Amino acid sequence: MPETLTITDNRTGKQYDVPIHDGAIKATDLRQIKVTADEFGMMTYDPAFMNTAACKSRITFIDGDKGVLEYRGYPIEQLAEQSDFLETAYLILFGELPSAAQYEDWTRNVMLHTMLHTNLSKLMEGFRHDAHPMGMFISTVGALSTFYPDAKQIFSHESRRLQTLRLIAKVPSIAAYAYRHSIGRPFNLPDNDLSYAGNFLQMLFRMTEPKFAPNPVLERALEAARRISAEQIEQATRSFVDVLAREREHTRTTVRRAAILNMIVLIALGFGVLGALWLR
């Protein structure tokens, strides 16, 4: 027998049975509670989302009080020890950890898109020397829509897959370029011989050495930090993206506007690579 919540309206003496699903009730089920037939109906008031679930996630389970975080049923401790960021991203997107062949193909496809168009780097060079890196980042992500108009094909599975690859690949490049510009150093091109995290570190910190060797401890720490923040479930950015997506906005316009909303949180786009922007 389904669980229900019985509500008694003391104004009218009427009782209402509201279904309970996964420990929650739907706010719209309260609309039936009225004093007169022409009323709009009862509404909930939760301005800070302190006790509101905006979505049901098949990706993430989180219990902050108990320190539990799981992606697709895998504990974050296991992923932090045994997986890297791209493997975790594959898990989040496709529901299962990749096989060796799938991982190799996935990594290659992501790394093929790390390079930024020359005109994008010129755009970033046009910012003032003291422009905040986050502002540069947001503007450049928005500018991507002018380079990839096919992102407007939001109902195409292939287009969505391609935009996912592009964003995962290019976000670290844009973040690193913004940081380098803020300290007056030339941009470093991606080095796809390195790992995803190692490539990000070399774009941030390589100076004149012909081949950058990232510090393995820092590389591993960066990978772990990004895995923890790889999926944001009900945070502001995720909720805002959901709302904008329903309005069928351009993919990168949606991401850019979500990043603006979340710029104080440091972790935009769900991939956790933007902490480096605050190193200045």
Protein backbone atom coordinates (compact mmCIF):
# COMPACT_ATOMS: atom_id res chain seq x y z
CA MET A 1 0.00 0.00 0.00
CA PRO A 2 1.50 3.39 -1.00
CA GLU A 3 2.57 5.74 1.76
CA THR A 4 0.52 8.88 2.24
CA LEU A 5 0.56 12.00 4.37
CA THR A 6 -2.77 13.08 5.85
CA ILE A 7 -3.16 16.84 6.15
CA THR A 8 -5.98 18.47 8.11
CA ASP A 9 -6.82 22.03 7.11
CA ASN A 10 -7.97 23.67 10.36
CA ARG A 11 -9.57 26.48 8.37
CA THR A 12 -12.11 24.19 6.74
CA GLY A 13 -11.83 20.93 8.68
CA LYS A 14 -11.13 19.03 5.46
CA GLN A 15 -8.55 16.25 5.26
CA TYR A 16 -6.28 15.53 2.33
CA ASP A 17 -4.17 12.43 1.58
CA VAL A 18 -0.95 13.34 -0.20
CA PRO A 19 1.22 10.55 -1.72
CA ILE A 20 4.76 10.14 -0.39
CA HIS A 21 7.48 9.11 -2.85
CA ASP A 22 11.06 8.56 -1.74
CA GLY A 23 10.39 10.42 1.50
CA ALA A 24 9.02 13.53 -0.25
CA ILE A 25 5.71 14.97 -1.37
CA LYS A 26 5.08 17.00 -4.53
CA ALA A 27 4.50 20.69 -3.92
CA THR A 28 1.82 20.67 -6.61
CA ASP A 29 -0.19 18.14 -4.58
CA LEU A 30 -0.80 20.92 -2.07
CA ARG A 31 -2.68 22.95 -4.67
CA GLN A 32 -5.83 21.01 -3.85
CA ILE A 33 -5.92 22.59 -0.37
CA LYS A 34 -8.22 25.58 -0.72
CA VAL A 35 -10.72 27.53 1.38
CA THR A 36 -12.80 28.54 -1.64
CA ALA A 37 -12.95 27.01 -5.11
CA ASP A 38 -11.62 30.13 -6.83
CA GLU A 39 -8.38 30.21 -4.80
CA PHE A 40 -5.06 29.28 -6.41
CA GLY A 41 -4.35 26.68 -3.74
CA MET A 42 -1.77 26.08 -1.06
CA MET A 43 1.85 26.76 -1.96
CA THR A 44 5.17 26.01 -0.26
CA TYR A 45 7.59 28.78 0.73
CA ASP A 46 11.26 27.79 0.79
CA PRO A 47 13.33 30.72 -0.56
CA ALA A 48 16.73 29.19 0.19
CA PHE A 49 15.89 25.61 -0.87
CA MET A 50 16.54 24.56 2.71
CA ASN A 51 14.07 21.69 2.54
CA THR A 52 13.21 21.32 -1.15
CA ALA A 53 14.31 18.56 -3.52
CA ALA A 54 14.44 19.95 -7.05
CA CYS A 55 15.22 16.68 -8.78
CA LYS A 56 15.56 12.94 -8.36
CA SER A 57 19.07 11.89 -9.27
CA ARG A 58 20.05 8.52 -10.66
CA ILE A 59 23.66 9.70 -10.61
CA THR A 60 24.48 10.95 -7.13
CA PHE A 61 23.66 9.92 -3.61
CA ILE A 62 24.87 12.30 -0.93
CA ASP A 63 24.47 12.44 2.83
CA GLY A 64 26.52 15.34 4.10
CA ASP A 65 25.90 14.60 7.77
CA LYS A 66 27.32 11.08 7.39
CA GLY A 67 30.02 12.05 4.89
CA VAL A 68 28.63 9.79 2.16
CA LEU A 69 29.02 10.59 -1.54
CA GLU A 70 28.33 8.06 -4.30
CA TYR A 71 28.33 8.31 -8.09
CA ARG A 72 26.18 5.65 -9.77
CA GLY A 73 26.48 3.55 -6.62
CA TYR A 74 30.29 3.79 -6.38
CA PRO A 75 31.64 5.36 -3.15
CA ILE A 76 33.74 8.46 -3.79
CA GLU A 77 36.56 6.89 -1.74
CA GLN A 78 36.81 4.05 -4.24
CA LEU A 79 36.76 6.39 -7.22
CA ALA A 80 39.35 8.67 -5.63
CA GLU A 81 41.71 5.75 -5.07
CA GLN A 82 41.19 3.75 -8.24
CA SER A 83 39.88 6.07 -10.97
CA ASP A 84 40.84 9.34 -12.62
CA PHE A 85 38.62 12.27 -13.53
CA LEU A 86 37.86 11.20 -17.11
CA GLU A 87 36.92 7.71 -15.94
CA THR A 88 34.59 9.26 -13.34
CA ALA A 89 33.11 11.57 -15.98
CA TYR A 90 32.40 8.52 -18.17
CA LEU A 91 30.70 6.82 -15.23
CA ILE A 92 28.49 9.84 -14.56
CA LEU A 93 27.51 10.24 -18.20
CA PHE A 94 26.98 6.60 -19.19
CA GLY A 95 26.15 4.86 -15.93
CA GLU A 96 29.02 2.35 -15.83
CA LEU A 97 32.79 2.49 -15.56
CA PRO A 98 34.44 2.06 -18.97
CA SER A 99 36.28 -1.03 -20.11
CA ALA A 100 39.93 -0.58 -21.05
CA ALA A 101 39.02 -0.11 -24.73
CA GLN A 102 36.17 2.28 -23.92
CA TYR A 103 38.40 4.31 -21.61
CA GLU A 104 41.11 4.61 -24.27
CA ASP A 105 38.59 5.70 -26.89
CA TRP A 106 36.88 8.14 -24.47
CA THR A 107 40.17 9.72 -23.41
CA ARG A 108 41.32 10.11 -27.01
CA ASN A 109 38.03 11.73 -28.03
CA VAL A 110 38.20 14.22 -25.15
CA MET A 111 41.83 15.14 -25.68
CA LEU A 112 41.23 15.77 -29.40
CA HIS A 113 39.22 18.85 -28.41
CA THR A 114 41.60 20.52 -25.92
CA MET A 115 42.92 23.04 -28.46
CA LEU A 116 41.24 26.44 -28.56
CA HIS A 117 40.57 28.32 -31.78
CA THR A 118 43.19 31.02 -32.38
CA ASN A 119 40.51 33.68 -32.42
CA LEU A 120 39.46 32.65 -28.91
CA SER A 121 42.97 33.23 -27.59
CA LYS A 122 42.99 36.62 -29.33
CA LEU A 123 39.69 37.42 -27.66
CA MET A 124 41.19 36.61 -24.27
CA GLU A 125 44.26 38.72 -25.02
CA GLY A 126 41.90 41.68 -25.40
CA PHE A 127 40.98 41.70 -21.71
CA ARG A 128 42.69 44.16 -19.39
CA HIS A 129 45.76 42.88 -17.59
CA ASP A 130 43.93 43.10 -14.27
CA ALA A 131 40.62 41.58 -15.45
CA HIS A 132 39.38 38.94 -13.06
CA PRO A 133 40.01 35.43 -14.46
CA MET A 134 36.45 34.34 -13.68
CA GLY A 135 35.02 37.15 -15.78
CA MET A 136 37.35 36.16 -18.61
CA PHE A 137 36.31 32.55 -18.27
CA ILE A 138 32.58 33.26 -18.36
CA SER A 139 32.91 35.53 -21.40
CA THR A 140 35.00 33.01 -23.31
CA VAL A 141 32.64 30.10 -22.61
CA GLY A 142 29.83 32.27 -23.94
CA ALA A 143 31.90 33.06 -27.04
CA LEU A 144 32.21 29.34 -27.82
CA SER A 145 28.63 29.46 -29.11
CA THR A 146 29.79 31.61 -32.02
CA PHE A 147 32.36 29.00 -33.02
CA TYR A 148 30.09 25.96 -32.67
CA PRO A 149 26.57 26.95 -33.80
CA ASP A 150 25.70 23.25 -34.10
CA ALA A 151 25.30 23.28 -30.30
CA LYS A 152 21.81 24.66 -30.92
CA GLN A 153 20.75 21.18 -32.04
CA ILE A 154 19.74 20.27 -28.51
CA PHE A 155 17.47 17.39 -29.54
CA SER A 156 20.28 15.63 -31.42
CA HIS A 157 21.96 12.94 -29.34
CA GLU A 158 25.12 13.19 -31.45
CA SER A 159 25.26 16.96 -31.05
CA ARG A 160 24.85 16.73 -27.27
CA ARG A 161 27.61 14.11 -27.12
CA LEU A 162 29.93 16.36 -29.14
CA GLN A 163 29.22 19.42 -26.99
CA THR A 164 29.94 17.33 -23.89
CA LEU A 165 33.33 16.33 -25.28
CA ARG A 166 34.12 19.88 -26.26
CA LEU A 167 33.24 21.35 -22.88
CA ILE A 168 35.13 18.72 -20.88
CA ALA A 169 38.17 19.31 -23.09
CA LYS A 170 38.09 23.08 -23.45
CA VAL A 171 37.12 24.21 -19.94
CA PRO A 172 40.64 23.49 -18.55
CA SER A 173 42.22 25.27 -21.54
CA ILE A 174 40.06 28.36 -21.05
CA ALA A 175 40.67 28.34 -17.29
CA ALA A 176 44.44 28.03 -17.78
CA TYR A 177 44.49 30.77 -20.42
CA ALA A 178 42.60 33.09 -18.08
CA TYR A 179 45.09 32.44 -15.29
CA ARG A 180 48.12 32.94 -17.55
CA HIS A 181 46.70 36.21 -18.85
CA SER A 182 46.13 37.46 -15.29
CA ILE A 183 49.83 37.04 -14.47
CA GLY A 184 51.11 38.39 -17.79
CA ARG A 185 52.52 35.17 -19.20
CA PRO A 186 52.00 33.71 -22.68
CA PHE A 187 49.46 30.94 -23.20
CA ASN A 188 50.70 27.36 -23.17
CA LEU A 189 49.22 25.07 -25.81
CA PRO A 190 47.73 21.76 -24.64
CA ASP A 191 50.02 18.74 -24.44
CA ASN A 192 47.90 15.67 -25.09
CA ASP A 193 50.76 13.34 -24.20
CA LEU A 194 50.01 14.18 -20.57
CA SER A 195 47.02 13.12 -18.52
CA TYR A 196 43.94 15.32 -18.30
CA ALA A 197 45.11 16.79 -14.98
CA GLY A 198 48.76 16.87 -16.03
CA ASN A 199 47.89 18.79 -19.18
CA PHE A 200 45.96 21.33 -17.11
CA LEU A 201 48.94 21.82 -14.80
CA GLN A 202 51.35 22.34 -17.68
CA MET A 203 49.02 24.90 -19.28
CA LEU A 204 49.04 26.72 -15.93
CA PHE A 205 52.67 26.53 -14.91
CA ARG A 206 55.04 25.56 -17.76
CA MET A 207 57.72 28.18 -18.32
CA THR A 208 60.58 27.57 -20.79
CA GLU A 209 61.16 23.85 -20.35
CA PRO A 210 60.61 21.94 -23.61
CA LYS A 211 58.68 19.17 -21.84
CA PHE A 212 56.74 19.82 -18.66
CA ALA A 213 56.71 17.10 -16.01
CA PRO A 214 53.82 17.69 -13.58
CA ASN A 215 54.36 17.03 -9.90
CA PRO A 216 52.71 13.61 -9.42
CA VAL A 217 51.43 14.48 -5.94
CA LEU A 218 49.79 17.70 -7.16
CA GLU A 219 48.46 15.92 -10.25
CA ARG A 220 46.86 13.21 -8.13
CA ALA A 221 45.44 15.74 -5.67
CA LEU A 222 43.91 17.76 -8.51
CA GLU A 223 42.33 14.63 -9.95
CA ALA A 224 40.83 13.72 -6.59
CA ALA A 225 39.49 17.22 -5.97
CA ARG A 226 37.76 17.28 -9.34
CA ARG A 227 36.19 13.88 -8.85
CA ILE A 228 34.57 15.04 -5.62
CA SER A 229 32.92 17.97 -7.41
CA ALA A 230 32.25 16.21 -10.71
CA GLU A 231 28.46 16.22 -10.31
CA GLN A 232 26.59 18.92 -8.44
CA ILE A 233 23.12 17.31 -8.06
CA GLU A 234 21.00 20.11 -6.49
CA GLN A 235 23.46 23.00 -6.27
CA ALA A 236 22.63 26.37 -7.81
CA THR A 237 24.37 25.74 -11.12
CA ARG A 238 22.66 22.41 -11.69
CA SER A 239 19.21 23.75 -10.84
CA PHE A 240 19.71 26.79 -13.06
CA VAL A 241 20.87 24.65 -15.98
CA ASP A 242 17.76 22.50 -15.59
CA VAL A 243 15.51 25.55 -15.75
CA LEU A 244 17.27 27.04 -18.77
CA ALA A 245 17.38 23.71 -20.58
CA ARG A 246 13.61 23.52 -20.38
CA GLU A 247 13.52 26.84 -22.22
CA ARG A 248 15.60 25.21 -25.01
CA GLU A 249 18.41 27.72 -24.79
CA HIS A 250 21.70 27.31 -26.61
CA THR A 251 23.95 24.83 -24.80
CA ARG A 252 26.77 27.26 -24.14
CA THR A 253 24.46 30.15 -23.30
CA THR A 254 22.96 27.90 -20.64
CA VAL A 255 26.37 26.94 -19.26
CA ARG A 256 27.60 30.54 -19.31
CA ARG A 257 24.57 31.85 -17.44
CA ALA A 258 24.86 29.05 -14.93
CA ALA A 259 28.53 29.91 -14.39
CA ILE A 260 27.58 33.53 -13.69
CA LEU A 261 25.12 32.36 -11.05
CA ASN A 262 27.73 30.14 -9.42
CA MET A 263 30.82 32.32 -9.76
CA ILE A 264 31.23 32.72 -5.99
CA VAL A 265 31.25 28.96 -5.44
CA LEU A 266 34.55 28.49 -7.35
CA ILE A 267 33.42 25.26 -9.00
CA ALA A 268 31.55 26.00 -12.17
CA LEU A 269 30.47 23.55 -14.87
CA GLY A 270 30.69 20.69 -12.42
CA PHE A 271 34.23 19.78 -13.36
CA GLY A 272 36.04 21.53 -10.54
CA VAL A 273 38.87 22.90 -12.66
CA LEU A 274 38.27 26.54 -11.84
CA GLY A 275 39.98 26.62 -8.46
CA ALA A 276 43.18 27.49 -10.28
CA LEU A 277 41.63 30.78 -11.37
CA TRP A 278 41.91 31.95 -7.77
CA LEU A 279 45.67 31.36 -7.52
CA ARG A 280 46.49 34.90 -8.58
